[in-house]
Amino acid sequence: ASLFLGQAKPPVVEHYRELARTRAAAALDDCVASLGAWGARVKTRLEYGPAALRVQEAAEATGADLVVVGVRRRGALERAALGSVSTHIVLE
């Protein structure tokens, strides 16, 4: 069991983590179906952890020639404070 402030994670944390995974998988399936309708061949992976690191690991593991990452429109202050997955991927 992982620790949360010295104790096991509350069940509510695991509940919402699993809910997020389920929603992410459904969204990914929708994207694959849309791209498949256009004749695209798509391989997917659903990972958990630091996004930039997981994208880099997946690109290396699969020998990807191209990685496409979406960008949210954030203000400069929010982007500076929180960072950007796409920026981290490019800089690493």
C-alpha atoms as a PDB file:
ATOM      1  CA  ALA A   1       0.000   0.000   0.000  1.00  0.00           C
ATOM      2  CA  SER A   2       1.274   3.457  -0.819  1.00  0.00           C
ATOM      3  CA  LEU A   3       1.466   6.074   1.870  1.00  0.00           C
ATOM      4  CA  PHE A   4      -0.463   9.304   2.149  1.00  0.00           C
ATOM      5  CA  LEU A   5       0.861  11.440   4.997  1.00  0.00           C
ATOM      6  CA  GLY A   6       2.161   8.336   6.705  1.00  0.00           C
ATOM      7  CA  GLN A   7      -1.024   6.327   6.241  1.00  0.00           C
ATOM      8  CA  ALA A   8      -2.564   4.218   3.522  1.00  0.00           C
ATOM      9  CA  LYS A   9      -4.325   6.227   0.826  1.00  0.00           C
ATOM     10  CA  PRO A  10      -7.963   6.831   1.634  1.00  0.00           C
ATOM     11  CA  PRO A  11     -10.361   4.734  -0.456  1.00  0.00           C
ATOM     12  CA  VAL A  12     -11.766   7.910  -1.983  1.00  0.00           C
ATOM     13  CA  VAL A  13      -8.383   8.677  -3.604  1.00  0.00           C
ATOM     14  CA  GLU A  14      -8.238   5.257  -5.213  1.00  0.00           C
ATOM     15  CA  HIS A  15     -11.886   5.591  -6.274  1.00  0.00           C
ATOM     16  CA  TYR A  16     -11.224   8.861  -8.122  1.00  0.00           C
ATOM     17  CA  ARG A  17      -7.968   7.551  -9.608  1.00  0.00           C
ATOM     18  CA  GLU A  18      -9.839   4.551 -11.048  1.00  0.00           C
ATOM     19  CA  LEU A  19     -12.632   6.826 -12.276  1.00  0.00           C
ATOM     20  CA  ALA A  20     -10.051   8.992 -14.058  1.00  0.00           C
ATOM     21  CA  ARG A  21      -8.492   5.909 -15.682  1.00  0.00           C
ATOM     22  CA  THR A  22     -11.895   4.688 -16.852  1.00  0.00           C
ATOM     23  CA  ARG A  23     -12.759   8.072 -18.357  1.00  0.00           C
ATOM     24  CA  ALA A  24      -9.343   8.362 -19.993  1.00  0.00           C
ATOM     25  CA  ALA A  25      -9.710   4.906 -21.542  1.00  0.00           C
ATOM     26  CA  ALA A  26     -13.157   5.795 -22.894  1.00  0.00           C
ATOM     27  CA  ALA A  27     -11.867   9.066 -24.374  1.00  0.00           C
ATOM     28  CA  LEU A  28      -8.947   7.219 -25.940  1.00  0.00           C
ATOM     29  CA  ASP A  29     -11.309   4.634 -27.450  1.00  0.00           C
ATOM     30  CA  ASP A  30     -13.401   7.456 -28.942  1.00  0.00           C
ATOM     31  CA  CYS A  31     -10.307   9.007 -30.529  1.00  0.00           C
ATOM     32  CA  VAL A  32      -9.204   5.676 -31.968  1.00  0.00           C
ATOM     33  CA  ALA A  33     -12.663   5.097 -33.437  1.00  0.00           C
ATOM     34  CA  SER A  34     -12.671   8.550 -35.025  1.00  0.00           C
ATOM     35  CA  LEU A  35      -9.206   8.133 -36.503  1.00  0.00           C
ATOM     36  CA  GLY A  36     -10.009   4.598 -37.640  1.00  0.00           C
ATOM     37  CA  ALA A  37     -12.976   5.938 -39.599  1.00  0.00           C
ATOM     38  CA  TRP A  38     -10.450   7.959 -41.630  1.00  0.00           C
ATOM     39  CA  GLY A  39      -8.328   4.879 -42.240  1.00  0.00           C
ATOM     40  CA  ALA A  40      -5.584   5.742 -39.761  1.00  0.00           C
ATOM     41  CA  ARG A  41      -3.702   2.953 -38.028  1.00  0.00           C
ATOM     42  CA  VAL A  42      -3.425   3.815 -34.361  1.00  0.00           C
ATOM     43  CA  LYS A  43      -1.581   2.251 -31.441  1.00  0.00           C
ATOM     44  CA  THR A  44      -2.427   3.457 -27.971  1.00  0.00           C
ATOM     45  CA  ARG A  45      -1.031   3.344 -24.458  1.00  0.00           C
ATOM     46  CA  LEU A  46      -2.647   4.570 -21.303  1.00  0.00           C
ATOM     47  CA  GLU A  47      -0.035   5.447 -18.709  1.00  0.00           C
ATOM     48  CA  TYR A  48      -0.068   6.867 -15.201  1.00  0.00           C
ATOM     49  CA  GLY A  49       2.600   9.197 -13.843  1.00  0.00           C
ATOM     50  CA  PRO A  50       4.485  12.326 -14.852  1.00  0.00           C
ATOM     51  CA  ALA A  51       3.110  13.042 -18.334  1.00  0.00           C
ATOM     52  CA  ALA A  52       6.274  14.324 -20.028  1.00  0.00           C
ATOM     53  CA  LEU A  53       8.326  11.396 -18.737  1.00  0.00           C
ATOM     54  CA  ARG A  54       5.709   8.832 -19.762  1.00  0.00           C
ATOM     55  CA  VAL A  55       5.446  10.317 -23.274  1.00  0.00           C
ATOM     56  CA  GLN A  56       9.231  10.217 -23.670  1.00  0.00           C
ATOM     57  CA  GLU A  57       9.400   6.616 -22.425  1.00  0.00           C
ATOM     58  CA  ALA A  58       6.618   5.527 -24.775  1.00  0.00           C
ATOM     59  CA  ALA A  59       8.237   7.272 -27.754  1.00  0.00           C
ATOM     60  CA  GLU A  60      11.565   5.583 -27.057  1.00  0.00           C
ATOM     61  CA  ALA A  61      10.003   2.172 -26.402  1.00  0.00           C
ATOM     62  CA  THR A  62       8.032   2.231 -29.652  1.00  0.00           C
ATOM     63  CA  GLY A  63      10.645   3.948 -31.822  1.00  0.00           C
ATOM     64  CA  ALA A  64       8.195   6.726 -32.660  1.00  0.00           C
ATOM     65  CA  ASP A  65       9.207   9.072 -35.457  1.00  0.00           C
ATOM     66  CA  LEU A  66       6.684  11.697 -34.435  1.00  0.00           C
ATOM     67  CA  VAL A  67       4.956  12.659 -31.197  1.00  0.00           C
ATOM     68  CA  VAL A  68       1.916  14.923 -31.361  1.00  0.00           C
ATOM     69  CA  VAL A  69       0.952  16.719 -28.155  1.00  0.00           C
ATOM     70  CA  GLY A  70      -2.017  19.018 -27.679  1.00  0.00           C
ATOM     71  CA  VAL A  71      -1.709  22.380 -25.989  1.00  0.00           C
ATOM     72  CA  ARG A  72      -4.185  24.158 -23.743  1.00  0.00           C
ATOM     73  CA  ARG A  73      -4.532  27.879 -23.952  1.00  0.00           C
ATOM     74  CA  ARG A  74      -3.189  29.164 -20.672  1.00  0.00           C
ATOM     75  CA  GLY A  75      -2.026  32.540 -19.584  1.00  0.00           C
ATOM     76  CA  ALA A  76       1.697  33.209 -19.274  1.00  0.00           C
ATOM     77  CA  LEU A  77       1.556  33.269 -15.464  1.00  0.00           C
ATOM     78  CA  GLU A  78      -0.259  29.933 -15.212  1.00  0.00           C
ATOM     79  CA  ARG A  79       2.069  28.370 -17.797  1.00  0.00           C
ATOM     80  CA  ALA A  80       5.126  29.672 -15.912  1.00  0.00           C
ATOM     81  CA  ALA A  81       3.820  28.374 -12.585  1.00  0.00           C
ATOM     82  CA  LEU A  82       2.543  24.983 -13.738  1.00  0.00           C
ATOM     83  CA  GLY A  83       4.741  24.328 -16.730  1.00  0.00           C
ATOM     84  CA  SER A  84       3.680  22.611 -19.911  1.00  0.00           C
ATOM     85  CA  VAL A  85       3.928  18.952 -20.810  1.00  0.00           C
ATOM     86  CA  SER A  86       4.760  19.822 -24.404  1.00  0.00           C
ATOM     87  CA  THR A  87       7.505  22.221 -23.274  1.00  0.00           C
ATOM     88  CA  HIS A  88       9.003  19.568 -20.980  1.00  0.00           C
ATOM     89  CA  ILE A  89       8.968  17.011 -23.797  1.00  0.00           C
ATOM     90  CA  VAL A  90      10.724  19.355 -26.227  1.00  0.00           C
ATOM     91  CA  LEU A  91      13.315  20.454 -23.681  1.00  0.00           C
ATOM     92  CA  GLU A  92      14.149  16.941 -22.513  1.00  0.00           C
END
